[in-house]
Amino acid sequence: MKHFTTNVLLLSLLFSFSASAQYFEPDESALLKNGPTTSLNVYLGLDKDDYGSMSLGHLMAFAKNPEALSRDLSLFEEETSTITRGLALYINMGFSPIRNETRNIDHEIQVGIGIHSDKEAMVTYKNEDLDTSIVYCNLQGEFTLEGAYLFKGKWGNKVHWHVGVGMNAGITFGNEMVLISGGYFEPGLHPSEQPADEMNVEHFEAKQVYYTRGFIQHGVHYGLGKKWQLGINMRTGIGMQFIQDADPNFIRKTGGFMIGAKYRFS
C-alpha cells in the first residue's frame, strides 16, 4: 500500500506539471498536423519480481517430472526467497496519438519488446550438523510484449519527463530445474559460492511459464540536440504468474530501473 500511495501522489504531481509544461516550450506542446511524431527507445536495466509467496510446492509446479526431484527433507530447515532479479533489454517505438485528426505530442503510446535474462527462484534446505544443503532452483529467461500510455512534458529546454501506465505479457524460454546438493553454506550466500568439487548439480526439464503485469511508468531524460535524449526510466506495479496445471502465483510487486536513449524521428 505504501508503494501504491507513493506512485499515486507522483502521478498527481506530474499531471499538475503537464498543464504548465506548455509555457516552457509552446511550439512543442502544440498539436501537430504533419504526420506522426515517432521515437525509438532503447533501455538496459534491472528488473525484479517479488512474489506473495514462494515454497517447494511452487517450485515443484515448474517441473515436468516433479517425482524426479523428490528428496527426503525431514531433517532439514527450509529457507525461501520470494524475490527474483535479472537483467533486461527493452526496445520500443513511441507514437503520438491522434486527436481531432491531429497528433498530440504531449502524449505518447509506446509498444515494444523486452528480453530478460535468467531469473532464479530458489528454496533451500539446510542441516548445519550434517553439513548438508539441498537447493531447488528454477531458471527461466523471459520474452515480453510491452505497451504503455504516457503523458509528457518539459522542465526548461532540456529536461523531459513522462509518466503513465503500462502492461506487459511474457513467455519464458530456457526453462530448467536445477537441484544442487552440497555442504552447508551460511545464510545470505549463494550456493554457487561453494567449491565446485563439493557440489552435485542435477538438471531437469521445466514447464513453460506465462506472465502478465501492470505498472506505473515514469522517467526523466536530458535532451542532446533535437533528436537524442538520454535518461532513466522506472516502473513499479503488480503481476501474475501462470503455470500449466498449477494455481496462479501473485506478484505483489514488480519493478525495474533502466538507463537508455530515445531517438526522435520527427
Protein backbone atom coordinates (compact mmCIF):
# COMPACT_ATOMS: atom_id res chain seq x y z
CA MET A 1 0.00 0.00 0.00
CA LYS A 2 2.90 2.36 0.76
CA HIS A 3 4.35 1.94 -2.75
CA PHE A 4 0.92 2.33 -4.35
CA THR A 5 0.25 5.57 -2.46
CA THR A 6 3.65 6.97 -3.41
CA ASN A 7 3.04 6.34 -7.09
CA VAL A 8 -0.46 7.85 -6.96
CA LEU A 9 0.99 11.02 -5.40
CA LEU A 10 3.73 11.09 -8.05
CA LEU A 11 1.17 10.64 -10.80
CA SER A 12 -0.95 13.52 -9.43
CA LEU A 13 2.07 15.81 -9.12
CA LEU A 14 3.27 15.22 -12.67
CA PHE A 15 -0.23 15.72 -14.04
CA SER A 16 -0.18 19.18 -12.49
CA PHE A 17 3.11 19.92 -14.23
CA SER A 18 1.70 18.86 -17.60
CA ALA A 19 -0.55 21.90 -17.66
CA SER A 20 2.39 24.24 -17.11
CA ALA A 21 4.83 22.46 -19.45
CA GLN A 22 3.47 24.36 -22.46
CA TYR A 23 4.78 27.65 -21.08
CA PHE A 24 8.35 26.36 -21.22
CA GLU A 25 8.12 25.23 -24.83
CA PRO A 26 4.94 26.48 -26.58
CA ASP A 27 5.95 25.24 -30.04
CA GLU A 28 6.46 21.65 -28.90
CA SER A 29 3.27 21.43 -26.84
CA ALA A 30 1.07 22.35 -29.81
CA LEU A 31 -0.87 19.75 -31.76
CA LEU A 32 0.97 18.62 -34.89
CA LYS A 33 -0.62 18.32 -38.31
CA ASN A 34 2.38 16.93 -40.21
CA GLY A 35 2.12 13.20 -39.57
CA PRO A 36 3.15 11.06 -36.62
CA THR A 37 5.81 12.02 -34.13
CA THR A 38 7.66 8.75 -33.57
CA SER A 39 10.62 7.70 -31.45
CA LEU A 40 12.85 4.69 -30.91
CA ASN A 41 13.57 3.89 -27.25
CA VAL A 42 16.29 1.50 -26.07
CA TYR A 43 16.85 0.77 -22.37
CA LEU A 44 19.10 -1.60 -20.43
CA GLY A 45 18.47 -2.21 -16.76
CA LEU A 46 17.48 -4.42 -13.86
CA ASP A 47 14.02 -5.82 -13.18
CA LYS A 48 12.60 -7.59 -10.14
CA ASP A 49 9.56 -9.64 -9.18
CA ASP A 50 8.56 -10.04 -5.53
CA TYR A 51 6.05 -12.86 -5.10
CA GLY A 52 3.34 -13.03 -2.50
CA SER A 53 4.64 -16.47 -1.52
CA MET A 54 7.27 -18.99 -2.59
CA SER A 55 7.52 -22.61 -1.45
CA LEU A 56 8.72 -26.02 -2.53
CA GLY A 57 5.22 -26.60 -3.90
CA HIS A 58 5.58 -23.58 -6.16
CA LEU A 59 8.94 -24.83 -7.46
CA MET A 60 7.66 -28.37 -8.00
CA ALA A 61 4.91 -26.90 -10.18
CA PHE A 62 7.64 -25.78 -12.62
CA ALA A 63 8.99 -29.31 -13.09
CA LYS A 64 7.76 -31.57 -15.89
CA ASN A 65 8.59 -34.59 -13.74
CA PRO A 66 8.42 -33.47 -10.09
CA GLU A 67 8.88 -37.05 -8.81
CA ALA A 68 12.47 -37.00 -10.11
CA LEU A 69 13.26 -34.10 -7.76
CA SER A 70 11.77 -35.71 -4.66
CA ARG A 71 14.18 -35.99 -1.71
CA ASP A 72 13.89 -36.82 2.00
CA LEU A 73 13.79 -33.36 3.63
CA SER A 74 12.61 -34.36 7.09
CA LEU A 75 15.90 -33.39 8.81
CA PHE A 76 16.30 -30.05 7.06
CA GLU A 77 15.29 -26.46 7.75
CA GLU A 78 13.66 -24.55 4.90
CA GLU A 79 14.84 -21.14 3.65
CA THR A 80 12.84 -19.37 0.96
CA SER A 81 13.21 -16.18 -1.04
CA THR A 82 10.25 -14.52 -2.73
CA ILE A 83 12.37 -12.22 -4.94
CA THR A 84 13.78 -12.92 -8.41
CA ARG A 85 16.05 -10.48 -10.28
CA GLY A 86 17.58 -10.23 -13.73
CA LEU A 87 18.93 -8.02 -16.49
CA ALA A 88 16.57 -6.73 -19.16
CA LEU A 89 16.80 -5.09 -22.58
CA TYR A 90 13.79 -3.04 -23.71
CA ILE A 91 13.23 -1.82 -27.27
CA ASN A 92 10.06 0.07 -28.16
CA MET A 93 8.59 2.60 -30.54
CA GLY A 94 6.70 5.72 -29.45
CA PHE A 95 3.73 7.19 -31.34
CA SER A 96 1.80 10.38 -30.71
CA PRO A 97 -1.93 9.56 -30.56
CA ILE A 98 -4.40 11.16 -32.92
CA ARG A 99 -6.92 13.65 -31.51
CA ASN A 100 -9.30 15.57 -33.75
CA GLU A 101 -7.34 14.45 -36.84
CA THR A 102 -4.10 15.85 -35.42
CA ARG A 103 -1.34 14.30 -33.33
CA ASN A 104 -0.76 15.35 -29.75
CA ILE A 105 2.95 15.25 -28.86
CA ASP A 106 2.22 15.80 -25.15
CA HIS A 107 1.03 12.16 -25.10
CA GLU A 108 2.78 9.02 -26.31
CA ILE A 109 1.82 5.42 -26.96
CA GLN A 110 4.75 3.03 -26.60
CA VAL A 111 4.79 -0.54 -27.90
CA GLY A 112 7.73 -2.90 -27.98
CA ILE A 113 9.51 -5.93 -26.59
CA GLY A 114 11.60 -6.88 -23.59
CA ILE A 115 14.26 -9.60 -23.39
CA HIS A 116 15.05 -10.73 -19.84
CA SER A 117 17.99 -12.78 -18.60
CA ASP A 118 17.60 -15.87 -16.43
CA LYS A 119 15.92 -15.32 -13.08
CA GLU A 120 16.33 -17.75 -10.19
CA ALA A 121 13.51 -18.89 -7.95
CA MET A 122 15.06 -20.85 -5.08
CA VAL A 123 14.09 -22.81 -1.98
CA THR A 124 16.94 -24.13 0.16
CA TYR A 125 17.03 -26.92 2.75
CA LYS A 126 19.92 -27.00 5.24
CA ASN A 127 21.23 -29.03 8.14
CA GLU A 128 24.30 -27.50 9.77
CA ASP A 129 25.00 -30.54 11.97
CA LEU A 130 25.10 -32.82 8.93
CA ASP A 131 26.98 -30.16 6.89
CA THR A 132 24.47 -30.65 4.11
CA SER A 133 22.30 -28.45 1.91
CA ILE A 134 19.82 -29.16 -0.89
CA VAL A 135 18.81 -26.31 -3.20
CA TYR A 136 15.79 -26.40 -5.53
CA CYS A 137 16.16 -23.80 -8.28
CA ASN A 138 14.11 -22.83 -11.32
CA LEU A 139 15.87 -20.90 -14.10
CA GLN A 140 13.99 -19.11 -16.86
CA GLY A 141 14.56 -16.28 -19.28
CA GLU A 142 11.58 -14.27 -20.47
CA PHE A 143 10.36 -12.54 -23.61
CA THR A 144 7.73 -9.83 -23.10
CA LEU A 145 5.44 -7.73 -25.27
CA GLU A 146 5.15 -4.24 -23.77
CA GLY A 147 2.68 -1.38 -24.05
CA ALA A 148 2.26 1.94 -22.23
CA TYR A 149 0.36 5.22 -22.47
CA LEU A 150 2.43 8.20 -21.30
CA PHE A 151 1.92 11.88 -20.53
CA LYS A 152 4.96 14.01 -21.39
CA GLY A 153 6.27 17.45 -20.53
CA LYS A 154 9.42 19.55 -20.18
CA TRP A 155 11.21 21.49 -17.47
CA GLY A 156 13.09 24.25 -19.28
CA ASN A 157 14.55 23.46 -22.69
CA LYS A 158 16.47 20.26 -21.97
CA VAL A 159 14.80 18.16 -19.26
CA HIS A 160 11.97 15.91 -20.45
CA TRP A 161 9.70 13.94 -18.11
CA HIS A 162 7.00 11.36 -18.64
CA VAL A 163 4.56 9.37 -16.50
CA GLY A 164 1.85 6.86 -17.38
CA VAL A 165 0.55 3.33 -17.12
CA GLY A 166 1.57 0.18 -18.93
CA MET A 167 1.18 -3.58 -19.19
CA ASN A 168 3.19 -6.50 -20.49
CA ALA A 169 2.65 -10.16 -21.28
CA GLY A 170 5.53 -12.61 -21.05
CA ILE A 171 6.51 -16.11 -22.05
CA THR A 172 9.60 -17.90 -20.76
CA PHE A 173 12.46 -19.61 -22.59
CA GLY A 174 15.39 -21.75 -21.44
CA ASN A 175 13.21 -23.30 -18.74
CA GLU A 176 15.20 -25.55 -16.42
CA MET A 177 15.01 -27.06 -12.95
CA VAL A 178 18.31 -27.43 -11.10
CA LEU A 179 18.86 -29.50 -7.95
CA ILE A 180 22.08 -28.65 -6.09
CA SER A 181 23.31 -30.75 -3.18
CA GLY A 182 26.44 -29.95 -1.23
CA GLY A 183 27.82 -28.70 2.04
CA TYR A 184 26.12 -26.32 4.44
CA PHE A 185 26.51 -22.65 3.50
CA GLU A 186 25.81 -19.62 5.63
CA PRO A 187 22.60 -17.55 5.23
CA GLY A 188 22.96 -14.86 2.58
CA LEU A 189 25.44 -16.82 0.48
CA HIS A 190 24.59 -18.17 -2.96
CA PRO A 191 25.03 -21.96 -3.42
CA SER A 192 27.31 -21.31 -6.41
CA GLU A 193 29.87 -19.82 -4.00
CA GLN A 194 30.68 -23.31 -2.74
CA PRO A 195 33.69 -25.10 -4.25
CA ALA A 196 32.63 -26.86 -7.44
CA ASP A 197 34.09 -30.20 -6.32
CA GLU A 198 31.85 -30.13 -3.24
CA MET A 199 28.59 -29.74 -5.18
CA ASN A 200 26.46 -32.17 -7.13
CA VAL A 201 24.31 -30.39 -9.74
CA GLU A 202 21.42 -32.16 -11.48
CA HIS A 203 19.39 -30.67 -14.35
CA PHE A 204 15.73 -31.39 -15.14
CA GLU A 205 13.18 -30.21 -17.69
CA ALA A 206 10.77 -27.45 -16.68
CA LYS A 207 7.41 -26.24 -17.98
CA GLN A 208 6.61 -23.12 -19.98
CA VAL A 209 5.58 -20.20 -17.74
CA TYR A 210 3.44 -17.16 -18.61
CA TYR A 211 3.27 -13.72 -17.01
CA THR A 212 1.18 -10.59 -17.08
CA ARG A 213 1.99 -7.35 -15.27
CA GLY A 214 0.52 -3.90 -14.87
CA PHE A 215 2.67 -0.98 -13.80
CA ILE A 216 3.11 2.77 -13.40
CA GLN A 217 5.99 4.04 -15.53
CA HIS A 218 7.88 7.30 -15.08
CA GLY A 219 11.21 8.76 -16.10
CA VAL A 220 13.37 11.77 -16.83
CA HIS A 221 15.57 12.43 -19.88
CA TYR A 222 18.06 15.10 -20.86
CA GLY A 223 17.95 16.39 -24.42
CA LEU A 224 21.07 16.21 -26.58
CA GLY A 225 20.14 18.32 -29.57
CA LYS A 226 16.80 17.97 -31.37
CA LYS A 227 16.90 14.20 -31.93
CA TRP A 228 18.54 12.47 -28.95
CA GLN A 229 17.66 12.15 -25.29
CA LEU A 230 19.47 10.20 -22.55
CA GLY A 231 17.95 9.33 -19.20
CA ILE A 232 16.32 6.89 -16.81
CA ASN A 233 13.06 5.01 -16.88
CA MET A 234 11.40 3.36 -13.85
CA ARG A 235 8.34 1.23 -13.27
CA THR A 236 6.54 -0.37 -10.35
CA GLY A 237 3.37 -2.46 -10.26
CA ILE A 238 1.87 -5.90 -9.70
CA GLY A 239 1.51 -9.08 -11.73
CA MET A 240 0.57 -12.75 -12.03
CA GLN A 241 2.48 -15.90 -12.92
CA PHE A 242 0.74 -18.80 -14.70
CA ILE A 243 1.95 -22.41 -14.93
CA GLN A 244 0.10 -25.31 -16.56
CA ASP A 245 -1.80 -27.49 -14.04
CA ALA A 246 -0.95 -25.15 -11.13
CA ASP A 247 -2.63 -22.25 -9.38
CA PRO A 248 -1.55 -18.74 -10.44
CA ASN A 249 1.05 -17.08 -8.22
CA PHE A 250 0.56 -13.41 -7.31
CA ILE A 251 3.46 -10.98 -7.83
CA ARG A 252 2.88 -8.39 -5.12
CA LYS A 253 5.47 -6.00 -6.53
CA THR A 254 7.18 -5.89 -9.90
CA GLY A 255 9.57 -3.16 -10.89
CA GLY A 256 12.51 -2.06 -12.95
CA PHE A 257 15.19 0.60 -13.22
CA MET A 258 16.57 1.31 -16.68
CA ILE A 259 19.07 3.62 -18.34
CA GLY A 260 18.82 4.32 -22.03
CA ALA A 261 18.34 6.57 -25.02
CA LYS A 262 15.47 7.97 -27.07
CA TYR A 263 15.80 8.93 -30.73
CA ARG A 264 13.10 11.14 -32.21
CA PHE A 265 12.35 10.71 -35.91
CA SER A 266 10.32 13.92 -36.13
